[in-house]
Amino acid sequence: MKITAKYYNIIRDIARKPEETLELPGETSVAEALTTIARRYGPPMERLLLAPQGGKSIYLSLFLNGQRLADKDLPAILEPDDELLLMPAIAGG
């Protein structure tokens, strides 16, 4: 199955591209796709995307087909042609 992953800010800098098409096995969850992306680009990306204790980093905002995902949504199974957007969380002050 193919999905599109879009990267913003420092995530885009590490991937060296704004987006890519990922070929994933059927029945792949959002969490599994996130881990696949993190491992593809190594430790700098892993630190941005994944929490040390497992799961998604609190510093990452995820959107699936334009809808923001919460941690409880990570087990959701992706569908062909889904769009997963990864953006570092932004804080203001």
N, C-alpha and C. Protein backbone atom coordinates (compact mmCIF):
# COMPACT_ATOMS: atom_id res chain seq x y z
N MET A 1 0.84 -1.16 0.00
CA MET A 1 0.00 0.00 0.00
C MET A 1 0.89 1.23 0.00
N LYS A 2 0.48 2.26 -0.71
CA LYS A 2 1.23 3.50 -0.77
C LYS A 2 0.49 4.60 -0.02
N ILE A 3 1.26 5.36 0.79
CA ILE A 3 0.74 6.57 1.43
C ILE A 3 1.73 7.70 1.15
N THR A 4 1.27 8.92 1.36
CA THR A 4 2.15 10.08 1.24
C THR A 4 2.47 10.59 2.63
N ALA A 5 3.75 10.79 2.89
CA ALA A 5 4.20 11.40 4.15
C ALA A 5 4.73 12.78 3.82
N LYS A 6 4.20 13.80 4.52
CA LYS A 6 4.65 15.18 4.32
C LYS A 6 5.38 15.64 5.56
N TYR A 7 6.50 16.33 5.34
CA TYR A 7 7.38 16.73 6.43
C TYR A 7 7.51 18.25 6.49
N TYR A 8 7.49 18.79 7.70
CA TYR A 8 7.61 20.23 7.89
C TYR A 8 8.75 20.56 8.84
N ASN A 9 9.30 21.76 8.65
CA ASN A 9 10.30 22.34 9.53
C ASN A 9 11.53 21.43 9.64
N ILE A 10 12.01 21.18 10.84
CA ILE A 10 13.24 20.41 11.03
C ILE A 10 13.09 18.96 10.55
N ILE A 11 11.87 18.45 10.58
CA ILE A 11 11.64 17.08 10.07
C ILE A 11 11.95 17.05 8.57
N ARG A 12 11.51 18.07 7.85
CA ARG A 12 11.82 18.17 6.42
C ARG A 12 13.33 18.30 6.21
N ASP A 13 14.00 19.06 7.08
CA ASP A 13 15.45 19.22 6.95
C ASP A 13 16.19 17.90 7.11
N ILE A 14 15.77 17.09 8.06
CA ILE A 14 16.42 15.79 8.28
C ILE A 14 16.15 14.84 7.11
N ALA A 15 14.91 14.82 6.64
CA ALA A 15 14.55 13.94 5.52
C ALA A 15 15.13 14.45 4.19
N ARG A 16 15.45 15.75 4.15
CA ARG A 16 15.96 16.39 2.94
C ARG A 16 14.97 16.37 1.79
N LYS A 17 13.70 16.39 2.18
CA LYS A 17 12.62 16.46 1.18
C LYS A 17 11.34 16.85 1.90
N PRO A 18 10.44 17.51 1.21
CA PRO A 18 9.19 17.93 1.85
C PRO A 18 8.14 16.83 1.95
N GLU A 19 8.27 15.82 1.12
CA GLU A 19 7.33 14.71 1.16
C GLU A 19 7.89 13.51 0.42
N GLU A 20 7.27 12.38 0.65
CA GLU A 20 7.65 11.16 -0.06
C GLU A 20 6.49 10.19 -0.06
N THR A 21 6.53 9.29 -1.00
CA THR A 21 5.57 8.20 -1.05
C THR A 21 6.20 7.00 -0.35
N LEU A 22 5.47 6.45 0.60
CA LEU A 22 5.96 5.28 1.33
C LEU A 22 5.20 4.05 0.88
N GLU A 23 5.91 2.99 0.66
CA GLU A 23 5.31 1.68 0.36
C GLU A 23 5.30 0.91 1.66
N LEU A 24 4.10 0.64 2.18
CA LEU A 24 3.94 -0.03 3.47
C LEU A 24 3.12 -1.30 3.29
N PRO A 25 3.33 -2.28 4.17
CA PRO A 25 2.49 -3.47 4.10
C PRO A 25 1.04 -3.12 4.42
N GLY A 26 0.11 -3.91 3.94
CA GLY A 26 -1.29 -3.71 4.31
C GLY A 26 -1.45 -3.85 5.82
N GLU A 27 -2.49 -3.24 6.36
CA GLU A 27 -2.76 -3.29 7.80
C GLU A 27 -1.65 -2.62 8.62
N THR A 28 -1.07 -1.55 8.09
CA THR A 28 -0.06 -0.79 8.82
C THR A 28 -0.75 0.31 9.62
N SER A 29 -0.39 0.40 10.90
CA SER A 29 -0.98 1.44 11.75
C SER A 29 -0.21 2.75 11.59
N VAL A 30 -0.81 3.82 12.08
CA VAL A 30 -0.12 5.11 12.09
C VAL A 30 1.17 4.99 12.90
N ALA A 31 1.12 4.33 14.04
CA ALA A 31 2.30 4.16 14.89
C ALA A 31 3.41 3.40 14.15
N GLU A 32 3.05 2.37 13.41
CA GLU A 32 4.05 1.60 12.66
C GLU A 32 4.66 2.44 11.53
N ALA A 33 3.84 3.25 10.87
CA ALA A 33 4.36 4.13 9.83
C ALA A 33 5.33 5.15 10.42
N LEU A 34 4.98 5.68 11.58
CA LEU A 34 5.83 6.65 12.26
C LEU A 34 7.18 6.03 12.61
N THR A 35 7.16 4.82 13.11
CA THR A 35 8.40 4.11 13.44
C THR A 35 9.22 3.83 12.18
N THR A 36 8.56 3.46 11.10
CA THR A 36 9.25 3.22 9.83
C THR A 36 9.98 4.48 9.37
N ILE A 37 9.31 5.62 9.43
CA ILE A 37 9.92 6.88 9.02
C ILE A 37 11.10 7.21 9.93
N ALA A 38 10.90 7.09 11.23
CA ALA A 38 11.96 7.40 12.20
C ALA A 38 13.20 6.56 11.94
N ARG A 39 13.03 5.28 11.73
CA ARG A 39 14.18 4.38 11.51
C ARG A 39 14.84 4.62 10.16
N ARG A 40 14.06 5.03 9.18
CA ARG A 40 14.62 5.29 7.85
C ARG A 40 15.67 6.40 7.90
N TYR A 41 15.45 7.40 8.75
CA TYR A 41 16.34 8.56 8.80
C TYR A 41 17.26 8.58 10.01
N GLY A 42 17.20 7.57 10.85
CA GLY A 42 18.18 7.42 11.92
C GLY A 42 17.91 8.22 13.19
N PRO A 43 18.91 8.22 14.09
CA PRO A 43 18.74 8.80 15.42
C PRO A 43 18.20 10.23 15.48
N PRO A 44 18.65 11.16 14.61
CA PRO A 44 18.07 12.51 14.72
C PRO A 44 16.55 12.52 14.52
N MET A 45 16.08 11.73 13.55
CA MET A 45 14.64 11.67 13.29
C MET A 45 13.95 10.89 14.41
N GLU A 46 14.55 9.83 14.89
CA GLU A 46 13.96 9.05 15.98
C GLU A 46 13.72 9.94 17.21
N ARG A 47 14.68 10.81 17.53
CA ARG A 47 14.53 11.70 18.69
C ARG A 47 13.38 12.68 18.51
N LEU A 48 13.13 13.10 17.27
CA LEU A 48 12.04 14.04 17.01
C LEU A 48 10.67 13.38 17.00
N LEU A 49 10.60 12.17 16.51
CA LEU A 49 9.31 11.53 16.28
C LEU A 49 8.85 10.61 17.40
N LEU A 50 9.79 9.96 18.07
CA LEU A 50 9.42 8.91 19.02
C LEU A 50 9.77 9.31 20.46
N ALA A 51 8.90 8.95 21.39
CA ALA A 51 9.15 9.18 22.81
C ALA A 51 10.12 8.12 23.32
N PRO A 52 10.98 8.45 24.29
CA PRO A 52 11.94 7.47 24.82
C PRO A 52 11.26 6.21 25.37
N GLN A 53 10.08 6.37 25.96
CA GLN A 53 9.38 5.23 26.54
C GLN A 53 8.48 4.51 25.52
N GLY A 54 8.54 4.96 24.27
CA GLY A 54 7.73 4.35 23.22
C GLY A 54 6.57 5.27 22.85
N GLY A 55 6.05 5.09 21.68
CA GLY A 55 4.96 5.93 21.21
C GLY A 55 5.47 7.20 20.57
N LYS A 56 4.56 8.12 20.33
CA LYS A 56 4.85 9.38 19.66
C LYS A 56 5.45 10.39 20.62
N SER A 57 6.41 11.15 20.15
CA SER A 57 6.98 12.22 20.94
C SER A 57 5.92 13.28 21.25
N ILE A 58 6.00 13.87 22.43
CA ILE A 58 5.06 14.94 22.78
C ILE A 58 5.35 16.20 21.96
N TYR A 59 6.49 16.25 21.29
CA TYR A 59 6.88 17.40 20.48
C TYR A 59 6.52 17.24 19.01
N LEU A 60 5.66 16.28 18.70
CA LEU A 60 5.26 16.01 17.32
C LEU A 60 3.76 16.17 17.18
N SER A 61 3.35 16.90 16.15
CA SER A 61 1.94 16.99 15.78
C SER A 61 1.76 16.14 14.52
N LEU A 62 0.77 15.28 14.55
CA LEU A 62 0.48 14.38 13.43
C LEU A 62 -0.91 14.67 12.88
N PHE A 63 -1.02 14.64 11.57
CA PHE A 63 -2.31 14.82 10.91
C PHE A 63 -2.49 13.70 9.89
N LEU A 64 -3.67 13.14 9.85
CA LEU A 64 -4.00 12.11 8.87
C LEU A 64 -5.14 12.64 8.01
N ASN A 65 -4.85 12.83 6.73
CA ASN A 65 -5.83 13.38 5.78
C ASN A 65 -6.44 14.67 6.29
N GLY A 66 -5.59 15.52 6.89
CA GLY A 66 -6.02 16.83 7.34
C GLY A 66 -6.61 16.88 8.75
N GLN A 67 -6.77 15.74 9.39
CA GLN A 67 -7.33 15.69 10.73
C GLN A 67 -6.23 15.42 11.75
N ARG A 68 -6.17 16.26 12.78
CA ARG A 68 -5.14 16.09 13.81
C ARG A 68 -5.37 14.78 14.56
N LEU A 69 -4.28 14.06 14.82
CA LEU A 69 -4.35 12.80 15.53
C LEU A 69 -3.91 12.97 16.98
N ALA A 70 -4.61 12.31 17.87
CA ALA A 70 -4.22 12.24 19.28
C ALA A 70 -3.49 10.91 19.49
N ASP A 71 -2.85 10.78 20.64
CA ASP A 71 -2.14 9.53 20.94
C ASP A 71 -3.06 8.32 20.83
N LYS A 72 -4.31 8.48 21.19
CA LYS A 72 -5.26 7.35 21.14
C LYS A 72 -5.54 6.90 19.70
N ASP A 73 -5.17 7.75 18.72
CA ASP A 73 -5.42 7.42 17.31
C ASP A 73 -4.26 6.66 16.66
N LEU A 74 -3.14 6.49 17.36
CA LEU A 74 -1.97 5.86 16.76
C LEU A 74 -2.19 4.43 16.29
N PRO A 75 -3.08 3.66 16.93
CA PRO A 75 -3.33 2.30 16.41
C PRO A 75 -4.17 2.26 15.13
N ALA A 76 -4.70 3.40 14.69
CA ALA A 76 -5.55 3.43 13.49
C ALA A 76 -4.79 2.84 12.30
N ILE A 77 -5.49 2.06 11.51
CA ILE A 77 -4.90 1.42 10.33
C ILE A 77 -4.99 2.38 9.14
N LEU A 78 -3.88 2.54 8.46
CA LEU A 78 -3.82 3.41 7.29
C LEU A 78 -4.49 2.73 6.09
N GLU A 79 -4.98 3.57 5.20
CA GLU A 79 -5.60 3.12 3.95
C GLU A 79 -4.72 3.57 2.79
N PRO A 80 -4.79 2.87 1.66
CA PRO A 80 -4.03 3.33 0.49
C PRO A 80 -4.36 4.79 0.17
N ASP A 81 -3.34 5.52 -0.22
CA ASP A 81 -3.44 6.93 -0.61
C ASP A 81 -3.70 7.89 0.55
N ASP A 82 -3.61 7.42 1.79
CA ASP A 82 -3.70 8.33 2.92
C ASP A 82 -2.54 9.30 2.88
N GLU A 83 -2.74 10.46 3.54
CA GLU A 83 -1.69 11.46 3.67
C GLU A 83 -1.40 11.68 5.15
N LEU A 84 -0.17 11.43 5.53
CA LEU A 84 0.28 11.59 6.91
C LEU A 84 1.21 12.79 6.94
N LEU A 85 0.86 13.79 7.75
CA LEU A 85 1.65 15.01 7.85
C LEU A 85 2.34 15.03 9.21
N LEU A 86 3.64 15.24 9.22
CA LEU A 86 4.42 15.28 10.44
C LEU A 86 4.98 16.69 10.63
N MET A 87 4.65 17.29 11.78
CA MET A 87 5.06 18.65 12.05
C MET A 87 5.53 18.76 13.50
N PRO A 88 6.69 19.39 13.72
CA PRO A 88 7.10 19.59 15.10
C PRO A 88 6.08 20.50 15.80
N ALA A 89 5.77 20.17 17.05
CA ALA A 89 4.86 21.00 17.81
C ALA A 89 5.50 22.37 18.00
N ILE A 90 4.70 23.41 17.91
CA ILE A 90 5.19 24.78 18.02
C ILE A 90 4.63 25.40 19.28
N ALA A 91 5.51 25.97 20.07
CA ALA A 91 5.09 26.64 21.30
C ALA A 91 5.41 28.12 21.18
N GLY A 92 4.57 28.91 21.77
CA GLY A 92 4.78 30.34 21.73
C GLY A 92 5.03 30.88 23.14
N GLY A 93 5.44 32.11 23.19
CA GLY A 93 5.67 32.66 24.51
C GLY A 93 5.61 34.16 24.49
